[in-house]
């Protein structure tokens, strides 16, 4: 709804658009498709969805739906440029490095859960995009279905565990941030404790007033969207 983080952030960044919040990723896709098939329109609709561990950015962009290059919109508020500006603006006694250290501690603690969510999203995407092509021969149908169901779920899980662990070990903050699903644990938990109370709302107000920060965020996260 219009109180959501997504709506408030996108209203700040895209003042020349009318921002309409909808419920889910699939709803965004349906709405954009439906609107853009209407005749005699002077404008096209575009959509923005979180990455959410999916790998369909190119196919969605072809229909006017743009994928945020981070799993959750909350992560944008923890971008290093946003953190730096917030710490300076709110006269916080912490530093970006202290926040990052706390972030990696939280991230490492949740690696198993994050990997389980990745496997779930991976399988759901695979189901959504896969179809049995054989129609006339039962043996062929069984072979095709068996091959599909032979997915090595444990291997996918273990590989993602290794990937996330490597991001922690290498202290790759930007990549770790783009691949985590910690939601309010960052903007209403960690940032509240370390930077300033009511971080999410105050940060959104900061972005709304700071044209340079808006320019930075559009360049980093939304450069593929016509402004």
C-alpha atoms as a PDB file:
ATOM      1  CA  UNK A   1       0.000   0.000   0.000  1.00  0.00           C
ATOM      2  CA  UNK A   2       1.008   3.659  -0.008  1.00  0.00           C
ATOM      3  CA  UNK A   3       2.635   3.379   3.410  1.00  0.00           C
ATOM      4  CA  UNK A   4       5.061   0.731   2.143  1.00  0.00           C
ATOM      5  CA  UNK A   5       8.782   1.333   1.855  1.00  0.00           C
ATOM      6  CA  UNK A   6       8.662   0.552  -1.875  1.00  0.00           C
ATOM      7  CA  UNK A   7       6.009   3.181  -2.588  1.00  0.00           C
ATOM      8  CA  UNK A   8       7.684   5.905  -0.541  1.00  0.00           C
ATOM      9  CA  UNK A   9      11.146   5.254  -1.978  1.00  0.00           C
ATOM     10  CA  UNK A  10      10.002   5.065  -5.592  1.00  0.00           C
ATOM     11  CA  UNK A  11       7.938   8.234  -5.191  1.00  0.00           C
ATOM     12  CA  UNK A  12      11.104  10.028  -4.092  1.00  0.00           C
ATOM     13  CA  UNK A  13      13.238   8.661  -6.911  1.00  0.00           C
ATOM     14  CA  UNK A  14      10.744   8.825  -9.784  1.00  0.00           C
ATOM     15  CA  UNK A  15       8.844  12.060  -9.399  1.00  0.00           C
ATOM     16  CA  UNK A  16       7.879  12.086 -13.079  1.00  0.00           C
ATOM     17  CA  UNK A  17       6.002   8.772 -12.704  1.00  0.00           C
ATOM     18  CA  UNK A  18       2.701   7.949 -11.067  1.00  0.00           C
ATOM     19  CA  UNK A  19       3.609   5.173  -8.637  1.00  0.00           C
ATOM     20  CA  UNK A  20       0.973   2.510  -8.056  1.00  0.00           C
ATOM     21  CA  UNK A  21       1.657  -0.158  -5.401  1.00  0.00           C
ATOM     22  CA  UNK A  22       0.393  -3.696  -6.021  1.00  0.00           C
ATOM     23  CA  UNK A  23       0.575  -6.777  -3.863  1.00  0.00           C
ATOM     24  CA  UNK A  24       3.032  -9.287  -5.337  1.00  0.00           C
ATOM     25  CA  UNK A  25       5.676  -9.827  -7.982  1.00  0.00           C
ATOM     26  CA  UNK A  26       3.171 -11.671 -10.175  1.00  0.00           C
ATOM     27  CA  UNK A  27       0.660  -8.850  -9.728  1.00  0.00           C
ATOM     28  CA  UNK A  28       3.249  -6.337 -10.970  1.00  0.00           C
ATOM     29  CA  UNK A  29       3.911  -8.462 -14.062  1.00  0.00           C
ATOM     30  CA  UNK A  30       0.186  -8.918 -14.774  1.00  0.00           C
ATOM     31  CA  UNK A  31      -0.591  -5.220 -14.315  1.00  0.00           C
ATOM     32  CA  UNK A  32       2.200  -4.068 -16.639  1.00  0.00           C
ATOM     33  CA  UNK A  33       1.231  -6.598 -19.307  1.00  0.00           C
ATOM     34  CA  UNK A  34      -2.463  -5.700 -19.065  1.00  0.00           C
ATOM     35  CA  UNK A  35      -1.918  -1.942 -19.162  1.00  0.00           C
ATOM     36  CA  UNK A  36       0.491  -2.048 -22.084  1.00  0.00           C
ATOM     37  CA  UNK A  37      -1.913  -4.085 -24.218  1.00  0.00           C
ATOM     38  CA  UNK A  38      -4.607  -1.403 -23.988  1.00  0.00           C
ATOM     39  CA  UNK A  39      -5.047   0.532 -27.249  1.00  0.00           C
ATOM     40  CA  UNK A  40      -4.505   4.264 -27.838  1.00  0.00           C
ATOM     41  CA  UNK A  41      -2.350   4.919 -24.775  1.00  0.00           C
ATOM     42  CA  UNK A  42       0.182   7.759 -24.737  1.00  0.00           C
ATOM     43  CA  UNK A  43       2.278   6.210 -21.978  1.00  0.00           C
ATOM     44  CA  UNK A  44       3.649   2.773 -21.168  1.00  0.00           C
ATOM     45  CA  UNK A  45       3.553   1.236 -17.717  1.00  0.00           C
ATOM     46  CA  UNK A  46       6.741  -0.111 -16.171  1.00  0.00           C
ATOM     47  CA  UNK A  47       7.135  -2.289 -13.115  1.00  0.00           C
ATOM     48  CA  UNK A  48       9.822  -2.739 -10.484  1.00  0.00           C
ATOM     49  CA  UNK A  49      10.202  -5.992  -8.551  1.00  0.00           C
ATOM     50  CA  UNK A  50      12.749  -7.176  -6.004  1.00  0.00           C
ATOM     51  CA  UNK A  51      15.314  -9.710  -7.208  1.00  0.00           C
ATOM     52  CA  UNK A  52      14.210 -12.251  -4.576  1.00  0.00           C
ATOM     53  CA  UNK A  53      16.797 -14.848  -5.718  1.00  0.00           C
ATOM     54  CA  UNK A  54      15.260 -15.102  -9.193  1.00  0.00           C
ATOM     55  CA  UNK A  55      17.254 -15.099 -12.436  1.00  0.00           C
ATOM     56  CA  UNK A  56      14.689 -13.676 -14.842  1.00  0.00           C
ATOM     57  CA  UNK A  57      15.800 -10.036 -15.145  1.00  0.00           C
ATOM     58  CA  UNK A  58      16.335 -10.103 -18.917  1.00  0.00           C
ATOM     59  CA  UNK A  59      13.011 -11.754 -19.756  1.00  0.00           C
ATOM     60  CA  UNK A  60      11.062  -9.425 -17.461  1.00  0.00           C
ATOM     61  CA  UNK A  61      12.772  -6.309 -18.762  1.00  0.00           C
ATOM     62  CA  UNK A  62      11.652  -7.261 -22.267  1.00  0.00           C
ATOM     63  CA  UNK A  63       8.026  -6.709 -21.141  1.00  0.00           C
ATOM     64  CA  UNK A  64       8.746  -3.552 -19.146  1.00  0.00           C
ATOM     65  CA  UNK A  65       9.303  -5.029 -15.684  1.00  0.00           C
ATOM     66  CA  UNK A  66      12.639  -4.090 -14.136  1.00  0.00           C
ATOM     67  CA  UNK A  67      14.326  -6.223 -11.482  1.00  0.00           C
ATOM     68  CA  UNK A  68      16.008  -4.486  -8.583  1.00  0.00           C
ATOM     69  CA  UNK A  69      19.619  -5.745  -8.455  1.00  0.00           C
ATOM     70  CA  UNK A  70      19.218  -6.671  -4.805  1.00  0.00           C
ATOM     71  CA  UNK A  71      16.933  -9.223  -3.193  1.00  0.00           C
ATOM     72  CA  UNK A  72      14.900  -6.704  -1.204  1.00  0.00           C
ATOM     73  CA  UNK A  73      14.150  -3.001  -1.438  1.00  0.00           C
ATOM     74  CA  UNK A  74      15.103  -2.659   2.253  1.00  0.00           C
ATOM     75  CA  UNK A  75      18.699  -3.333   1.215  1.00  0.00           C
ATOM     76  CA  UNK A  76      18.816  -0.077  -0.769  1.00  0.00           C
ATOM     77  CA  UNK A  77      18.535   1.820   2.530  1.00  0.00           C
ATOM     78  CA  UNK A  78      21.679   0.026   3.697  1.00  0.00           C
ATOM     79  CA  UNK A  79      23.724   1.001   0.656  1.00  0.00           C
ATOM     80  CA  UNK A  80      27.114   2.387   1.711  1.00  0.00           C
ATOM     81  CA  UNK A  81      26.386   5.858   0.292  1.00  0.00           C
ATOM     82  CA  UNK A  82      23.077   5.956   2.152  1.00  0.00           C
ATOM     83  CA  UNK A  83      24.753   4.822   5.369  1.00  0.00           C
ATOM     84  CA  UNK A  84      27.460   7.473   5.047  1.00  0.00           C
ATOM     85  CA  UNK A  85      24.949  10.260   4.405  1.00  0.00           C
ATOM     86  CA  UNK A  86      22.679   9.100   7.237  1.00  0.00           C
ATOM     87  CA  UNK A  87      25.538   8.885   9.736  1.00  0.00           C
ATOM     88  CA  UNK A  88      26.658  12.419   8.834  1.00  0.00           C
ATOM     89  CA  UNK A  89      23.141  13.893   8.738  1.00  0.00           C
ATOM     90  CA  UNK A  90      21.948  12.376  12.009  1.00  0.00           C
ATOM     91  CA  UNK A  91      25.276  12.977  13.801  1.00  0.00           C
ATOM     92  CA  UNK A  92      25.524   9.304  14.608  1.00  0.00           C
ATOM     93  CA  UNK A  93      28.439   8.197  16.778  1.00  0.00           C
ATOM     94  CA  UNK A  94      28.966   5.038  14.753  1.00  0.00           C
ATOM     95  CA  UNK A  95      30.791   4.448  11.452  1.00  0.00           C
ATOM     96  CA  UNK A  96      29.992   2.621   8.233  1.00  0.00           C
ATOM     97  CA  UNK A  97      32.631   0.027   9.132  1.00  0.00           C
ATOM     98  CA  UNK A  98      30.954  -0.695  12.474  1.00  0.00           C
ATOM     99  CA  UNK A  99      27.623  -1.150  10.735  1.00  0.00           C
ATOM    100  CA  UNK A 100      29.189  -3.471   8.183  1.00  0.00           C
ATOM    101  CA  UNK A 101      30.815  -5.536  10.937  1.00  0.00           C
ATOM    102  CA  UNK A 102      27.428  -5.949  12.626  1.00  0.00           C
ATOM    103  CA  UNK A 103      25.837  -6.739   9.269  1.00  0.00           C
ATOM    104  CA  UNK A 104      28.282  -9.559   8.516  1.00  0.00           C
ATOM    105  CA  UNK A 105      27.707 -11.021  11.975  1.00  0.00           C
ATOM    106  CA  UNK A 106      23.947 -11.089  11.322  1.00  0.00           C
ATOM    107  CA  UNK A 107      24.442 -12.323   7.771  1.00  0.00           C
ATOM    108  CA  UNK A 108      26.693 -15.223   8.803  1.00  0.00           C
ATOM    109  CA  UNK A 109      24.238 -16.236  11.520  1.00  0.00           C
ATOM    110  CA  UNK A 110      21.489 -16.554   8.888  1.00  0.00           C
ATOM    111  CA  UNK A 111      23.406 -18.297   6.083  1.00  0.00           C
ATOM    112  CA  UNK A 112      21.500 -21.583   6.460  1.00  0.00           C
ATOM    113  CA  UNK A 113      18.115 -19.855   6.349  1.00  0.00           C
ATOM    114  CA  UNK A 114      19.140 -17.645   3.432  1.00  0.00           C
ATOM    115  CA  UNK A 115      20.306 -20.708   1.515  1.00  0.00           C
ATOM    116  CA  UNK A 116      17.060 -22.569   2.206  1.00  0.00           C
ATOM    117  CA  UNK A 117      15.130 -19.571   0.878  1.00  0.00           C
ATOM    118  CA  UNK A 118      17.371 -19.514  -2.194  1.00  0.00           C
ATOM    119  CA  UNK A 119      16.649 -23.211  -2.891  1.00  0.00           C
ATOM    120  CA  UNK A 120      12.910 -22.594  -2.515  1.00  0.00           C
ATOM    121  CA  UNK A 121      12.989 -19.662  -4.941  1.00  0.00           C
ATOM    122  CA  UNK A 122      15.209 -21.609  -7.358  1.00  0.00           C
ATOM    123  CA  UNK A 123      12.796 -24.553  -7.483  1.00  0.00           C
ATOM    124  CA  UNK A 124       9.726 -22.302  -7.750  1.00  0.00           C
ATOM    125  CA  UNK A 125      11.296 -20.436 -10.662  1.00  0.00           C
ATOM    126  CA  UNK A 126      12.218 -23.708 -12.328  1.00  0.00           C
ATOM    127  CA  UNK A 127       8.661 -25.032 -11.980  1.00  0.00           C
ATOM    128  CA  UNK A 128       7.243 -21.777 -13.286  1.00  0.00           C
ATOM    129  CA  UNK A 129       9.449 -21.767 -16.398  1.00  0.00           C
ATOM    130  CA  UNK A 130       9.459 -25.501 -17.193  1.00  0.00           C
ATOM    131  CA  UNK A 131       6.973 -27.441 -19.256  1.00  0.00           C
ATOM    132  CA  UNK A 132       6.693 -31.072 -20.291  1.00  0.00           C
ATOM    133  CA  UNK A 133       7.037 -30.990 -24.077  1.00  0.00           C
ATOM    134  CA  UNK A 134       6.317 -34.654 -24.886  1.00  0.00           C
ATOM    135  CA  UNK A 135       2.595 -35.255 -25.498  1.00  0.00           C
ATOM    136  CA  UNK A 136       2.233 -38.525 -27.394  1.00  0.00           C
ATOM    137  CA  UNK A 137       4.500 -41.079 -25.733  1.00  0.00           C
ATOM    138  CA  UNK A 138       4.115 -42.014 -22.069  1.00  0.00           C
ATOM    139  CA  UNK A 139       7.684 -43.299 -21.811  1.00  0.00           C
ATOM    140  CA  UNK A 140       8.960 -39.966 -23.116  1.00  0.00           C
ATOM    141  CA  UNK A 141       6.753 -38.077 -20.693  1.00  0.00           C
ATOM    142  CA  UNK A 142       8.051 -40.163 -17.768  1.00  0.00           C
ATOM    143  CA  UNK A 143      11.660 -39.703 -18.893  1.00  0.00           C
ATOM    144  CA  UNK A 144      11.261 -35.952 -19.205  1.00  0.00           C
ATOM    145  CA  UNK A 145       9.480 -35.638 -15.870  1.00  0.00           C
ATOM    146  CA  UNK A 146      12.018 -37.856 -14.098  1.00  0.00           C
ATOM    147  CA  UNK A 147      14.885 -35.767 -15.447  1.00  0.00           C
ATOM    148  CA  UNK A 148      13.189 -32.641 -14.160  1.00  0.00           C
ATOM    149  CA  UNK A 149      12.536 -34.159 -10.734  1.00  0.00           C
ATOM    150  CA  UNK A 150      16.104 -35.416 -10.508  1.00  0.00           C
ATOM    151  CA  UNK A 151      17.228 -31.966  -9.401  1.00  0.00           C
ATOM    152  CA  UNK A 152      20.031 -32.237  -6.822  1.00  0.00           C
ATOM    153  CA  UNK A 153      18.528 -30.005  -4.146  1.00  0.00           C
ATOM    154  CA  UNK A 154      21.279 -30.781  -1.630  1.00  0.00           C
ATOM    155  CA  UNK A 155      23.936 -29.695  -4.120  1.00  0.00           C
ATOM    156  CA  UNK A 156      22.168 -26.391  -4.835  1.00  0.00           C
ATOM    157  CA  UNK A 157      21.864 -25.763  -1.089  1.00  0.00           C
ATOM    158  CA  UNK A 158      25.508 -26.624  -0.375  1.00  0.00           C
ATOM    159  CA  UNK A 159      26.757 -24.467  -3.238  1.00  0.00           C
ATOM    160  CA  UNK A 160      24.783 -21.484  -2.004  1.00  0.00           C
ATOM    161  CA  UNK A 161      26.057 -22.019   1.532  1.00  0.00           C
ATOM    162  CA  UNK A 162      29.606 -21.923   0.125  1.00  0.00           C
ATOM    163  CA  UNK A 163      28.826 -18.820  -1.940  1.00  0.00           C
ATOM    164  CA  UNK A 164      27.388 -16.851   0.985  1.00  0.00           C
ATOM    165  CA  UNK A 165      30.205 -17.984   3.271  1.00  0.00           C
ATOM    166  CA  UNK A 166      32.753 -16.731   0.758  1.00  0.00           C
ATOM    167  CA  UNK A 167      31.065 -13.314   0.725  1.00  0.00           C
ATOM    168  CA  UNK A 168      31.455 -13.163   4.499  1.00  0.00           C
ATOM    169  CA  UNK A 169      35.061 -14.339   4.412  1.00  0.00           C
ATOM    170  CA  UNK A 170      35.935 -11.804   1.703  1.00  0.00           C
ATOM    171  CA  UNK A 171      33.923  -9.040   3.424  1.00  0.00           C
ATOM    172  CA  UNK A 172      32.223  -8.250   0.112  1.00  0.00           C
ATOM    173  CA  UNK A 173      29.550  -5.973   1.537  1.00  0.00           C
ATOM    174  CA  UNK A 174      27.847  -4.896  -1.683  1.00  0.00           C
ATOM    175  CA  UNK A 175      27.466  -8.433  -2.998  1.00  0.00           C
ATOM    176  CA  UNK A 176      26.407  -9.806   0.384  1.00  0.00           C
ATOM    177  CA  UNK A 177      23.813  -7.049   0.715  1.00  0.00           C
ATOM    178  CA  UNK A 178      22.383  -7.808  -2.729  1.00  0.00           C
ATOM    179  CA  UNK A 179      22.041 -11.515  -1.873  1.00  0.00           C
ATOM    180  CA  UNK A 180      20.445 -11.333   1.547  1.00  0.00           C
ATOM    181  CA  UNK A 181      16.805 -11.499   2.632  1.00  0.00           C
ATOM    182  CA  UNK A 182      16.901 -10.032   6.119  1.00  0.00           C
ATOM    183  CA  UNK A 183      14.151  -7.437   5.525  1.00  0.00           C
ATOM    184  CA  UNK A 184      13.340  -5.352   8.593  1.00  0.00           C
ATOM    185  CA  UNK A 185      16.178  -6.962  10.556  1.00  0.00           C
ATOM    186  CA  UNK A 186      18.416  -4.449   8.794  1.00  0.00           C
ATOM    187  CA  UNK A 187      16.362  -1.259   8.519  1.00  0.00           C
ATOM    188  CA  UNK A 188      14.282  -1.579  11.696  1.00  0.00           C
ATOM    189  CA  UNK A 189      16.693  -3.673  13.730  1.00  0.00           C
ATOM    190  CA  UNK A 190      20.375  -3.253  13.046  1.00  0.00           C
ATOM    191  CA  UNK A 191      20.272   0.332  11.738  1.00  0.00           C
ATOM    192  CA  UNK A 192      18.009   1.427  14.609  1.00  0.00           C
ATOM    193  CA  UNK A 193      20.476   0.095  17.165  1.00  0.00           C
ATOM    194  CA  UNK A 194      23.672   1.247  15.482  1.00  0.00           C
ATOM    195  CA  UNK A 195      22.885   4.438  13.555  1.00  0.00           C
ATOM    196  CA  UNK A 196      19.725   6.217  14.709  1.00  0.00           C
ATOM    197  CA  UNK A 197      16.243   5.500  16.080  1.00  0.00           C
ATOM    198  CA  UNK A 198      13.475   5.135  13.503  1.00  0.00           C
ATOM    199  CA  UNK A 199      16.131   4.689  10.825  1.00  0.00           C
ATOM    200  CA  UNK A 200      13.832   3.545   8.013  1.00  0.00           C
ATOM    201  CA  UNK A 201      11.429   6.505   8.168  1.00  0.00           C
ATOM    202  CA  UNK A 202      14.174   9.052   8.745  1.00  0.00           C
ATOM    203  CA  UNK A 203      16.247   7.590   5.939  1.00  0.00           C
ATOM    204  CA  UNK A 204      13.317   7.786   3.522  1.00  0.00           C
ATOM    205  CA  UNK A 205      12.811  11.437   4.469  1.00  0.00           C
ATOM    206  CA  UNK A 206      16.530  12.043   3.928  1.00  0.00           C
ATOM    207  CA  UNK A 207      16.430  10.517   0.447  1.00  0.00           C
ATOM    208  CA  UNK A 208      13.314  12.507  -0.403  1.00  0.00           C
ATOM    209  CA  UNK A 209      15.138  15.787   0.358  1.00  0.00           C
ATOM    210  CA  UNK A 210      18.606  14.924  -0.941  1.00  0.00           C
ATOM    211  CA  UNK A 211      18.814  15.239  -4.749  1.00  0.00           C
ATOM    212  CA  UNK A 212      22.425  14.049  -4.874  1.00  0.00           C
ATOM    213  CA  UNK A 213      21.580  10.887  -2.949  1.00  0.00           C
ATOM    214  CA  UNK A 214      18.641  10.296  -5.280  1.00  0.00           C
ATOM    215  CA  UNK A 215      20.990  10.614  -8.263  1.00  0.00           C
ATOM    216  CA  UNK A 216      23.435   8.124  -6.717  1.00  0.00           C
ATOM    217  CA  UNK A 217      20.727   5.548  -5.979  1.00  0.00           C
ATOM    218  CA  UNK A 218      19.172   5.840  -9.436  1.00  0.00           C
ATOM    219  CA  UNK A 219      22.617   5.379 -10.993  1.00  0.00           C
ATOM    220  CA  UNK A 220      23.458   2.347  -8.837  1.00  0.00           C
ATOM    221  CA  UNK A 221      20.133   0.511  -8.690  1.00  0.00           C
ATOM    222  CA  UNK A 222      17.840   1.894 -11.379  1.00  0.00           C
ATOM    223  CA  UNK A 223      20.069   2.963 -14.283  1.00  0.00           C
ATOM    224  CA  UNK A 224      18.122   0.708 -16.650  1.00  0.00           C
ATOM    225  CA  UNK A 225      14.871   2.560 -15.937  1.00  0.00           C
ATOM    226  CA  UNK A 226      14.096   5.651 -18.077  1.00  0.00           C
ATOM    227  CA  UNK A 227      13.926   8.622 -15.685  1.00  0.00           C
END
